[in-house]
Amino acid sequence: MQILDCYFGRCEKPSCDGCLFRPVRSLRLILKSRSMGGFDEEAAAPPSVSALEAAEAAAKAALSAPACPPKPGTVPAAAPVKRRKRLTVPREEIPWYPTIKPELCNGCGDCKVLCKPGVFEAGEPDPTGIHRPKLVVRNPYNCLVLCTRCVPICTSGAITLPDKADFEKYVEYLD
């Protein structure tokens, strides 16, 4: 059961240092980052263990496998085009940043690994040393306006963002 808790982000250990299941967590981070489109080899580099390498090779094969061919007479969907954005006011005047509910946060750190601008950091350590420290929003104005990548990666559902529709007025799309 411990391996499943580790894989699904429910592990209660204060850190992954010296844990036998650290490769499992690293594999989970790799798979999540790839599914979100932003894989960072350095942030989630697993230790070189032959079983882990075999599991990663299987994951690579599953992710790179071609999708089913389209049915005859249908048009394949085009990939979404990433549009460049420009802010219409200074970033400090836009209150777009995540909030973390401490009662839901399990301290897994997936949001910290995924967030390149460095919005999240570990909070106060548990005084008893049993639980991992909860994550907190340390640099809220480093968050990219209208970015929502951290919400689906949070296994406990602790991260919330404001409504996107309220902030469209602050962004101008460039062609």
Protein backbone atom coordinates (compact mmCIF):
# COMPACT_ATOMS: atom_id res chain seq x y z
CA MET A 1 0.00 0.00 0.00
CA GLN A 2 2.91 2.36 0.63
CA ILE A 3 3.88 2.29 -3.02
CA LEU A 4 0.35 3.32 -4.03
CA ASP A 5 0.33 6.12 -1.44
CA CYS A 6 3.63 7.37 -2.84
CA TYR A 7 2.41 7.20 -6.44
CA PHE A 8 -0.84 9.06 -5.73
CA GLY A 9 0.81 11.74 -3.55
CA ARG A 10 -0.67 10.58 -0.24
CA CYS A 11 2.62 9.65 1.42
CA GLU A 12 2.90 10.86 5.01
CA LYS A 13 6.71 10.85 5.23
CA PRO A 14 8.36 14.23 5.88
CA SER A 15 10.63 13.87 2.84
CA CYS A 16 11.66 11.43 0.14
CA ASP A 17 15.31 11.39 1.24
CA GLY A 18 16.39 7.79 1.78
CA CYS A 19 12.95 6.40 0.90
CA LEU A 20 12.81 3.19 -1.12
CA PHE A 21 9.84 4.54 -3.09
CA ARG A 22 11.53 7.76 -4.25
CA PRO A 23 11.78 6.41 -7.82
CA VAL A 24 7.99 5.92 -7.80
CA ARG A 25 7.40 9.57 -6.89
CA SER A 26 9.96 10.69 -9.48
CA LEU A 27 8.19 8.63 -12.13
CA ARG A 28 4.85 10.17 -11.12
CA LEU A 29 6.33 13.66 -11.48
CA ILE A 30 7.79 12.80 -14.87
CA LEU A 31 4.49 11.46 -16.16
CA LYS A 32 2.53 14.43 -14.82
CA SER A 33 4.97 16.95 -16.23
CA ARG A 34 4.87 15.29 -19.62
CA SER A 35 1.09 15.20 -19.65
CA MET A 36 1.08 18.92 -18.81
CA GLY A 37 3.56 19.59 -21.62
CA GLY A 38 6.45 20.86 -19.51
CA PHE A 39 8.89 18.09 -18.65
CA ASP A 40 11.98 19.17 -16.71
CA GLU A 41 14.63 16.43 -16.58
CA GLU A 42 16.65 18.13 -13.83
CA ALA A 43 13.74 18.75 -11.45
CA ALA A 44 12.41 15.20 -11.55
CA ALA A 45 15.49 13.19 -12.39
CA PRO A 46 15.10 9.74 -10.87
CA PRO A 47 18.05 7.79 -9.55
CA SER A 48 19.54 5.33 -12.01
CA VAL A 49 17.94 2.07 -11.00
CA SER A 50 17.43 -0.62 -13.63
CA ALA A 51 13.80 -1.22 -12.61
CA LEU A 52 13.09 2.49 -12.78
CA GLU A 53 14.76 2.76 -16.18
CA ALA A 54 12.58 -0.08 -17.44
CA ALA A 55 9.45 1.61 -16.07
CA GLU A 56 10.46 4.94 -17.61
CA ALA A 57 11.10 3.26 -20.97
CA ALA A 58 7.64 1.71 -20.80
CA ALA A 59 6.14 5.11 -19.94
CA LYS A 60 8.00 6.74 -22.85
CA ALA A 61 6.71 4.07 -25.22
CA ALA A 62 3.15 4.54 -23.98
CA LEU A 63 3.33 8.33 -24.30
CA SER A 64 4.96 8.32 -27.72
CA ALA A 65 2.73 5.61 -29.17
CA PRO A 66 0.72 6.94 -32.09
CA ALA A 67 -2.95 7.53 -31.46
CA CYS A 68 -5.54 5.49 -33.26
CA PRO A 69 -5.79 6.49 -36.91
CA PRO A 70 -8.70 8.82 -37.66
CA LYS A 71 -11.86 7.29 -38.99
CA PRO A 72 -12.37 7.61 -42.73
CA GLY A 73 -14.15 10.82 -43.64
CA THR A 74 -13.15 12.72 -40.49
CA VAL A 75 -10.71 15.59 -40.24
CA PRO A 76 -8.04 15.27 -37.53
CA ALA A 77 -8.15 18.05 -34.94
CA ALA A 78 -5.41 20.65 -35.23
CA ALA A 79 -3.09 21.21 -32.31
CA PRO A 80 -3.99 24.28 -30.25
CA VAL A 81 -1.96 27.32 -31.22
CA LYS A 82 -0.10 28.96 -28.37
CA ARG A 83 -0.79 32.68 -28.52
CA ARG A 84 1.64 35.23 -27.15
CA LYS A 85 0.29 37.55 -24.48
CA ARG A 86 1.16 41.02 -23.29
CA LEU A 87 -0.08 42.62 -20.10
CA THR A 88 -1.90 45.94 -20.42
CA VAL A 89 -1.04 47.09 -16.85
CA PRO A 90 1.95 46.43 -14.57
CA ARG A 91 2.02 42.92 -13.09
CA GLU A 92 1.87 44.23 -9.51
CA GLU A 93 -1.62 45.65 -10.20
CA ILE A 94 -3.06 42.30 -11.31
CA PRO A 95 -4.23 40.09 -8.41
CA TRP A 96 -3.82 36.82 -10.35
CA TYR A 97 -2.10 34.24 -8.17
CA PRO A 98 -2.92 30.85 -6.66
CA THR A 99 -4.10 30.23 -3.14
CA ILE A 100 -3.43 27.03 -1.22
CA LYS A 101 -5.85 25.62 1.32
CA PRO A 102 -3.54 24.37 4.10
CA GLU A 103 -6.07 21.85 5.37
CA LEU A 104 -6.03 20.10 1.98
CA CYS A 105 -2.33 20.40 1.09
CA ASN A 106 -0.42 17.16 1.64
CA GLY A 107 3.02 18.71 1.04
CA CYS A 108 3.88 16.56 -1.99
CA GLY A 109 5.62 19.46 -3.77
CA ASP A 110 4.35 18.66 -7.27
CA CYS A 111 3.31 22.30 -7.75
CA LYS A 112 6.77 23.50 -6.76
CA VAL A 113 8.43 21.15 -9.24
CA LEU A 114 6.10 22.16 -12.06
CA CYS A 115 6.09 25.94 -11.54
CA LYS A 116 9.05 27.43 -13.39
CA PRO A 117 8.58 31.02 -12.09
CA GLY A 118 8.97 29.80 -8.50
CA VAL A 119 5.65 30.81 -6.97
CA PHE A 120 5.52 27.97 -4.42
CA GLU A 121 7.85 27.13 -1.54
CA ALA A 122 7.71 24.82 1.44
CA GLY A 123 6.13 26.42 4.48
CA GLU A 124 6.85 25.96 8.16
CA PRO A 125 8.11 22.47 9.06
CA ASP A 126 5.92 20.24 11.17
CA PRO A 127 7.02 20.67 14.80
CA THR A 128 6.71 16.94 15.43
CA GLY A 129 8.64 16.10 12.26
CA ILE A 130 6.05 13.55 11.18
CA HIS A 131 4.36 15.28 8.24
CA ARG A 132 5.88 17.06 5.27
CA PRO A 133 5.73 20.86 5.36
CA LYS A 134 2.73 22.36 3.58
CA LEU A 135 3.39 24.42 0.47
CA VAL A 136 2.71 28.15 0.52
CA VAL A 137 2.59 30.89 -2.12
CA ARG A 138 5.83 32.82 -1.45
CA ASN A 139 6.11 34.83 -4.69
CA PRO A 140 2.55 35.50 -5.86
CA TYR A 141 3.48 38.09 -8.47
CA ASN A 142 5.85 35.66 -10.19
CA CYS A 143 2.76 33.75 -11.34
CA LEU A 144 1.99 34.15 -15.02
CA VAL A 145 -1.36 35.81 -15.61
CA LEU A 146 -3.99 33.29 -16.83
CA CYS A 147 -1.66 30.31 -16.23
CA THR A 148 -3.53 27.36 -14.70
CA ARG A 149 -0.96 24.54 -14.94
CA CYS A 150 -0.63 24.04 -11.18
CA VAL A 151 -4.33 23.36 -10.55
CA PRO A 152 -4.64 19.98 -12.33
CA ILE A 153 -1.29 18.71 -11.04
CA CYS A 154 -2.29 19.16 -7.39
CA THR A 155 -3.22 15.67 -6.20
CA SER A 156 -5.11 16.93 -3.16
CA GLY A 157 -7.03 19.74 -4.86
CA ALA A 158 -5.60 22.39 -2.52
CA ILE A 159 -4.73 24.96 -5.20
CA THR A 160 -7.36 27.42 -6.40
CA LEU A 161 -7.13 30.32 -8.82
CA PRO A 162 -9.45 33.26 -9.45
CA ASP A 163 -11.94 33.19 -12.32
CA LYS A 164 -10.20 33.61 -15.69
CA ALA A 165 -12.99 35.73 -17.14
CA ASP A 166 -12.31 38.50 -14.61
CA PHE A 167 -8.69 38.83 -15.77
CA GLU A 168 -9.02 38.76 -19.57
CA LYS A 169 -9.13 42.59 -19.52
CA TYR A 170 -5.50 42.67 -18.34
CA VAL A 171 -4.16 40.63 -21.26
CA GLU A 172 -3.69 41.58 -24.88
CA TYR A 173 -3.08 38.78 -27.38
CA LEU A 174 -0.41 39.28 -30.03
CA ASP A 175 -0.53 37.66 -33.44
